[in-house]
Amino acid sequence: MIEIPILSSDDAMLFDVWFSSLINDFFHVLKKDSHIREYEIVEYRFGLNDKPQLTLEDTGIIFEVSRERIRQIEHKALEDLAEIINTGENRDREIRLSGLAPF
């Protein structure tokens, strides 16, 4: 089980910095190419990390897949991310925020 650290109550980091770090860690912690690709798609779709915000069509051109496939990848990535944000863990990826009780 891989854990992603969470902020302690005395941590001075701003929420947006922490949240950006959480998103980055969530997609990169396992170092799987498919997760890194999901992250890159989310970066382009939402204009994160100084990437331009692109349409499904334009993102599909970059990754050489259809806009429908980009939509599917984006949807799954956001579902997985929402699960860890809402529950503190993602069982499919076997990731949890550190400091939480075991599964």
N, C-alpha and C. Protein backbone atom coordinates (compact mmCIF):
# COMPACT_ATOMS: atom_id res chain seq x y z
N MET A 1 0.84 -1.18 0.00
CA MET A 1 0.00 0.00 0.00
C MET A 1 0.89 1.23 0.00
N ILE A 2 0.64 2.15 -0.92
CA ILE A 2 1.39 3.39 -1.01
C ILE A 2 0.55 4.48 -0.38
N GLU A 3 1.18 5.32 0.42
CA GLU A 3 0.47 6.41 1.07
C GLU A 3 0.95 7.75 0.54
N ILE A 4 0.01 8.67 0.39
CA ILE A 4 0.31 10.04 0.00
C ILE A 4 0.18 10.88 1.27
N PRO A 5 1.19 11.67 1.63
CA PRO A 5 1.12 12.44 2.88
C PRO A 5 0.03 13.50 2.83
N ILE A 6 -0.59 13.75 3.98
CA ILE A 6 -1.56 14.83 4.11
C ILE A 6 -0.95 15.89 5.01
N LEU A 7 -1.50 17.08 4.97
CA LEU A 7 -0.99 18.17 5.79
C LEU A 7 -1.33 17.95 7.25
N SER A 8 -0.42 18.30 8.12
CA SER A 8 -0.73 18.31 9.54
C SER A 8 -1.38 19.65 9.87
N SER A 9 -2.01 19.73 11.03
CA SER A 9 -2.74 20.95 11.37
C SER A 9 -1.80 22.16 11.51
N ASP A 10 -0.53 21.94 11.81
CA ASP A 10 0.40 23.05 11.95
C ASP A 10 1.17 23.35 10.67
N ASP A 11 0.83 22.68 9.60
CA ASP A 11 1.51 22.89 8.33
C ASP A 11 1.09 24.24 7.74
N ALA A 12 2.06 25.01 7.28
CA ALA A 12 1.78 26.36 6.78
C ALA A 12 1.51 26.40 5.28
N MET A 13 1.56 25.24 4.62
CA MET A 13 1.36 25.24 3.17
C MET A 13 -0.06 25.69 2.82
N LEU A 14 -0.20 26.46 1.78
CA LEU A 14 -1.51 26.90 1.32
C LEU A 14 -2.27 25.75 0.69
N PHE A 15 -3.59 25.80 0.76
CA PHE A 15 -4.42 24.72 0.23
C PHE A 15 -4.17 24.46 -1.25
N ASP A 16 -4.07 25.49 -2.05
CA ASP A 16 -3.90 25.26 -3.49
C ASP A 16 -2.57 24.59 -3.82
N VAL A 17 -1.53 24.90 -3.06
CA VAL A 17 -0.24 24.25 -3.26
C VAL A 17 -0.35 22.79 -2.86
N TRP A 18 -0.99 22.53 -1.72
CA TRP A 18 -1.19 21.16 -1.25
C TRP A 18 -2.04 20.38 -2.25
N PHE A 19 -3.11 20.99 -2.71
CA PHE A 19 -4.01 20.31 -3.63
C PHE A 19 -3.31 19.97 -4.94
N SER A 20 -2.52 20.90 -5.46
CA SER A 20 -1.75 20.63 -6.68
C SER A 20 -0.78 19.48 -6.45
N SER A 21 -0.16 19.47 -5.29
CA SER A 21 0.78 18.41 -4.95
C SER A 21 0.05 17.07 -4.83
N LEU A 22 -1.13 17.08 -4.22
CA LEU A 22 -1.92 15.85 -4.08
C LEU A 22 -2.27 15.29 -5.45
N ILE A 23 -2.72 16.15 -6.35
CA ILE A 23 -3.08 15.70 -7.69
C ILE A 23 -1.86 15.11 -8.40
N ASN A 24 -0.74 15.80 -8.33
CA ASN A 24 0.48 15.31 -8.96
C ASN A 24 0.88 13.96 -8.37
N ASP A 25 0.92 13.88 -7.05
CA ASP A 25 1.31 12.62 -6.39
C ASP A 25 0.35 11.50 -6.72
N PHE A 26 -0.93 11.79 -6.74
CA PHE A 26 -1.94 10.76 -7.02
C PHE A 26 -1.69 10.09 -8.37
N PHE A 27 -1.36 10.88 -9.36
CA PHE A 27 -1.16 10.32 -10.70
C PHE A 27 0.25 9.76 -10.91
N HIS A 28 1.22 10.19 -10.10
CA HIS A 28 2.61 9.77 -10.34
C HIS A 28 3.17 8.78 -9.32
N VAL A 29 2.48 8.57 -8.20
CA VAL A 29 3.05 7.76 -7.12
C VAL A 29 3.39 6.34 -7.56
N LEU A 30 2.59 5.73 -8.41
CA LEU A 30 2.86 4.37 -8.86
C LEU A 30 3.77 4.32 -10.08
N LYS A 31 4.04 5.48 -10.65
CA LYS A 31 4.91 5.59 -11.82
C LYS A 31 4.46 4.71 -12.99
N LYS A 32 3.15 4.56 -13.13
CA LYS A 32 2.61 3.80 -14.26
C LYS A 32 2.39 4.75 -15.44
N ASP A 33 2.78 4.31 -16.61
CA ASP A 33 2.62 5.15 -17.80
C ASP A 33 1.17 5.58 -18.01
N SER A 34 0.22 4.67 -17.74
CA SER A 34 -1.19 5.00 -17.95
C SER A 34 -1.65 6.11 -17.00
N HIS A 35 -1.14 6.13 -15.77
CA HIS A 35 -1.52 7.17 -14.82
C HIS A 35 -0.89 8.50 -15.19
N ILE A 36 0.34 8.44 -15.67
CA ILE A 36 1.02 9.67 -16.09
C ILE A 36 0.31 10.26 -17.31
N ARG A 37 -0.14 9.40 -18.20
CA ARG A 37 -0.89 9.86 -19.38
C ARG A 37 -2.21 10.50 -18.94
N GLU A 38 -2.90 9.90 -17.97
CA GLU A 38 -4.13 10.49 -17.44
C GLU A 38 -3.85 11.90 -16.92
N TYR A 39 -2.76 12.04 -16.17
CA TYR A 39 -2.40 13.33 -15.60
C TYR A 39 -2.15 14.36 -16.70
N GLU A 40 -1.43 13.95 -17.73
CA GLU A 40 -1.16 14.87 -18.84
C GLU A 40 -2.45 15.29 -19.52
N ILE A 41 -3.38 14.38 -19.67
CA ILE A 41 -4.68 14.73 -20.27
C ILE A 41 -5.43 15.71 -19.39
N VAL A 42 -5.45 15.47 -18.08
CA VAL A 42 -6.12 16.38 -17.15
C VAL A 42 -5.43 17.75 -17.18
N GLU A 43 -4.11 17.76 -17.27
CA GLU A 43 -3.39 19.04 -17.36
C GLU A 43 -3.88 19.86 -18.55
N TYR A 44 -3.97 19.22 -19.71
CA TYR A 44 -4.42 19.93 -20.91
C TYR A 44 -5.89 20.30 -20.85
N ARG A 45 -6.70 19.42 -20.35
CA ARG A 45 -8.14 19.70 -20.32
C ARG A 45 -8.48 20.86 -19.38
N PHE A 46 -7.72 21.00 -18.27
CA PHE A 46 -8.03 22.03 -17.28
C PHE A 46 -7.00 23.14 -17.21
N GLY A 47 -6.00 23.11 -18.09
CA GLY A 47 -5.00 24.17 -18.13
C GLY A 47 -4.13 24.23 -16.88
N LEU A 48 -3.73 23.08 -16.35
CA LEU A 48 -2.90 23.04 -15.16
C LEU A 48 -1.42 23.16 -15.52
N ASN A 49 -0.62 23.61 -14.56
CA ASN A 49 0.84 23.68 -14.71
C ASN A 49 1.27 24.40 -15.98
N ASP A 50 0.63 25.53 -16.22
CA ASP A 50 0.96 26.38 -17.36
C ASP A 50 0.70 25.73 -18.72
N LYS A 51 -0.06 24.66 -18.76
CA LYS A 51 -0.47 24.05 -20.03
C LYS A 51 -1.69 24.83 -20.52
N PRO A 52 -1.85 24.95 -21.83
CA PRO A 52 -3.06 25.61 -22.34
C PRO A 52 -4.28 24.72 -22.09
N GLN A 53 -5.42 25.34 -21.82
CA GLN A 53 -6.65 24.58 -21.66
C GLN A 53 -7.18 24.22 -23.05
N LEU A 54 -7.27 22.93 -23.32
CA LEU A 54 -7.64 22.47 -24.66
C LEU A 54 -8.99 21.76 -24.66
N THR A 55 -9.59 21.73 -25.84
CA THR A 55 -10.83 20.98 -26.04
C THR A 55 -10.52 19.49 -26.10
N LEU A 56 -11.58 18.69 -26.04
CA LEU A 56 -11.42 17.24 -26.21
C LEU A 56 -10.74 16.94 -27.54
N GLU A 57 -11.19 17.62 -28.58
CA GLU A 57 -10.64 17.42 -29.93
C GLU A 57 -9.15 17.72 -29.98
N ASP A 58 -8.76 18.88 -29.47
CA ASP A 58 -7.35 19.27 -29.51
C ASP A 58 -6.49 18.35 -28.65
N THR A 59 -7.00 17.95 -27.50
CA THR A 59 -6.26 17.03 -26.64
C THR A 59 -6.11 15.68 -27.34
N GLY A 60 -7.15 15.24 -28.03
CA GLY A 60 -7.09 13.99 -28.79
C GLY A 60 -6.02 14.03 -29.87
N ILE A 61 -5.86 15.17 -30.50
CA ILE A 61 -4.82 15.31 -31.54
C ILE A 61 -3.44 15.12 -30.92
N ILE A 62 -3.20 15.71 -29.76
CA ILE A 62 -1.90 15.58 -29.10
C ILE A 62 -1.60 14.12 -28.76
N PHE A 63 -2.61 13.41 -28.26
CA PHE A 63 -2.40 12.03 -27.80
C PHE A 63 -2.74 10.98 -28.87
N GLU A 64 -3.12 11.46 -30.05
CA GLU A 64 -3.41 10.61 -31.19
C GLU A 64 -4.51 9.58 -30.89
N VAL A 65 -5.57 10.06 -30.25
CA VAL A 65 -6.76 9.25 -29.99
C VAL A 65 -7.99 10.13 -30.25
N SER A 66 -9.15 9.51 -30.27
CA SER A 66 -10.38 10.26 -30.53
C SER A 66 -10.76 11.14 -29.33
N ARG A 67 -11.57 12.14 -29.60
CA ARG A 67 -12.03 12.98 -28.50
C ARG A 67 -12.88 12.18 -27.52
N GLU A 68 -13.59 11.16 -28.01
CA GLU A 68 -14.37 10.30 -27.11
C GLU A 68 -13.44 9.54 -26.16
N ARG A 69 -12.30 9.07 -26.66
CA ARG A 69 -11.35 8.35 -25.80
C ARG A 69 -10.77 9.31 -24.76
N ILE A 70 -10.50 10.54 -25.15
CA ILE A 70 -10.01 11.55 -24.19
C ILE A 70 -11.08 11.77 -23.12
N ARG A 71 -12.33 11.89 -23.53
CA ARG A 71 -13.42 12.08 -22.56
C ARG A 71 -13.48 10.92 -21.58
N GLN A 72 -13.35 9.69 -22.08
CA GLN A 72 -13.39 8.51 -21.21
C GLN A 72 -12.23 8.50 -20.22
N ILE A 73 -11.03 8.79 -20.70
CA ILE A 73 -9.85 8.82 -19.82
C ILE A 73 -10.00 9.91 -18.77
N GLU A 74 -10.43 11.08 -19.20
CA GLU A 74 -10.65 12.20 -18.27
C GLU A 74 -11.67 11.82 -17.21
N HIS A 75 -12.78 11.24 -17.64
CA HIS A 75 -13.85 10.87 -16.72
C HIS A 75 -13.34 9.89 -15.66
N LYS A 76 -12.64 8.86 -16.07
CA LYS A 76 -12.11 7.86 -15.14
C LYS A 76 -11.09 8.48 -14.19
N ALA A 77 -10.21 9.32 -14.72
CA ALA A 77 -9.20 9.97 -13.89
C ALA A 77 -9.86 10.85 -12.82
N LEU A 78 -10.87 11.61 -13.21
CA LEU A 78 -11.55 12.48 -12.25
C LEU A 78 -12.36 11.69 -11.23
N GLU A 79 -12.94 10.57 -11.64
CA GLU A 79 -13.64 9.69 -10.69
C GLU A 79 -12.66 9.16 -9.65
N ASP A 80 -11.51 8.68 -10.10
CA ASP A 80 -10.51 8.14 -9.19
C ASP A 80 -9.98 9.22 -8.25
N LEU A 81 -9.74 10.41 -8.77
CA LEU A 81 -9.27 11.51 -7.95
C LEU A 81 -10.33 11.93 -6.93
N ALA A 82 -11.59 12.00 -7.36
CA ALA A 82 -12.68 12.35 -6.45
C ALA A 82 -12.79 11.34 -5.31
N GLU A 83 -12.56 10.07 -5.61
CA GLU A 83 -12.64 9.04 -4.57
C GLU A 83 -11.62 9.29 -3.46
N ILE A 84 -10.39 9.60 -3.83
CA ILE A 84 -9.38 9.83 -2.79
C ILE A 84 -9.64 11.13 -2.04
N ILE A 85 -10.17 12.14 -2.73
CA ILE A 85 -10.48 13.40 -2.06
C ILE A 85 -11.65 13.21 -1.10
N ASN A 86 -12.68 12.47 -1.52
CA ASN A 86 -13.87 12.29 -0.70
C ASN A 86 -13.71 11.27 0.42
N THR A 87 -12.92 10.22 0.18
CA THR A 87 -12.83 9.15 1.17
C THR A 87 -11.44 9.00 1.79
N GLY A 88 -10.44 9.62 1.18
CA GLY A 88 -9.08 9.49 1.68
C GLY A 88 -8.34 8.29 1.14
N GLU A 89 -8.98 7.54 0.24
CA GLU A 89 -8.32 6.37 -0.34
C GLU A 89 -8.90 6.05 -1.70
N ASN A 90 -8.12 5.31 -2.45
CA ASN A 90 -8.58 4.79 -3.74
C ASN A 90 -8.17 3.33 -3.78
N ARG A 91 -9.14 2.46 -3.62
CA ARG A 91 -8.85 1.03 -3.54
C ARG A 91 -8.33 0.46 -4.85
N ASP A 92 -8.84 0.94 -5.99
CA ASP A 92 -8.36 0.44 -7.29
C ASP A 92 -6.86 0.64 -7.45
N ARG A 93 -6.39 1.80 -7.02
CA ARG A 93 -4.97 2.11 -7.15
C ARG A 93 -4.17 1.76 -5.90
N GLU A 94 -4.88 1.33 -4.87
CA GLU A 94 -4.26 0.98 -3.58
C GLU A 94 -3.44 2.14 -3.04
N ILE A 95 -4.09 3.31 -2.99
CA ILE A 95 -3.47 4.53 -2.49
C ILE A 95 -4.38 5.11 -1.42
N ARG A 96 -3.77 5.62 -0.37
CA ARG A 96 -4.54 6.32 0.67
C ARG A 96 -3.74 7.53 1.14
N LEU A 97 -4.46 8.51 1.68
CA LEU A 97 -3.79 9.64 2.30
C LEU A 97 -3.18 9.14 3.60
N SER A 98 -1.94 9.50 3.88
CA SER A 98 -1.29 9.02 5.09
C SER A 98 -1.99 9.57 6.31
N GLY A 99 -1.87 8.84 7.39
CA GLY A 99 -2.51 9.24 8.64
C GLY A 99 -3.91 8.67 8.81
N LEU A 100 -4.41 7.95 7.82
CA LEU A 100 -5.73 7.34 7.93
C LEU A 100 -5.60 5.90 8.41
N ALA A 101 -6.67 5.39 8.99
CA ALA A 101 -6.67 3.99 9.44
C ALA A 101 -6.54 3.07 8.25
N PRO A 102 -5.96 1.87 8.43
CA PRO A 102 -5.83 0.91 7.33
C PRO A 102 -7.19 0.50 6.77
N PHE A 103 -7.17 -0.05 5.53
CA PHE A 103 -8.40 -0.51 4.88
C PHE A 103 -9.16 -1.44 5.79
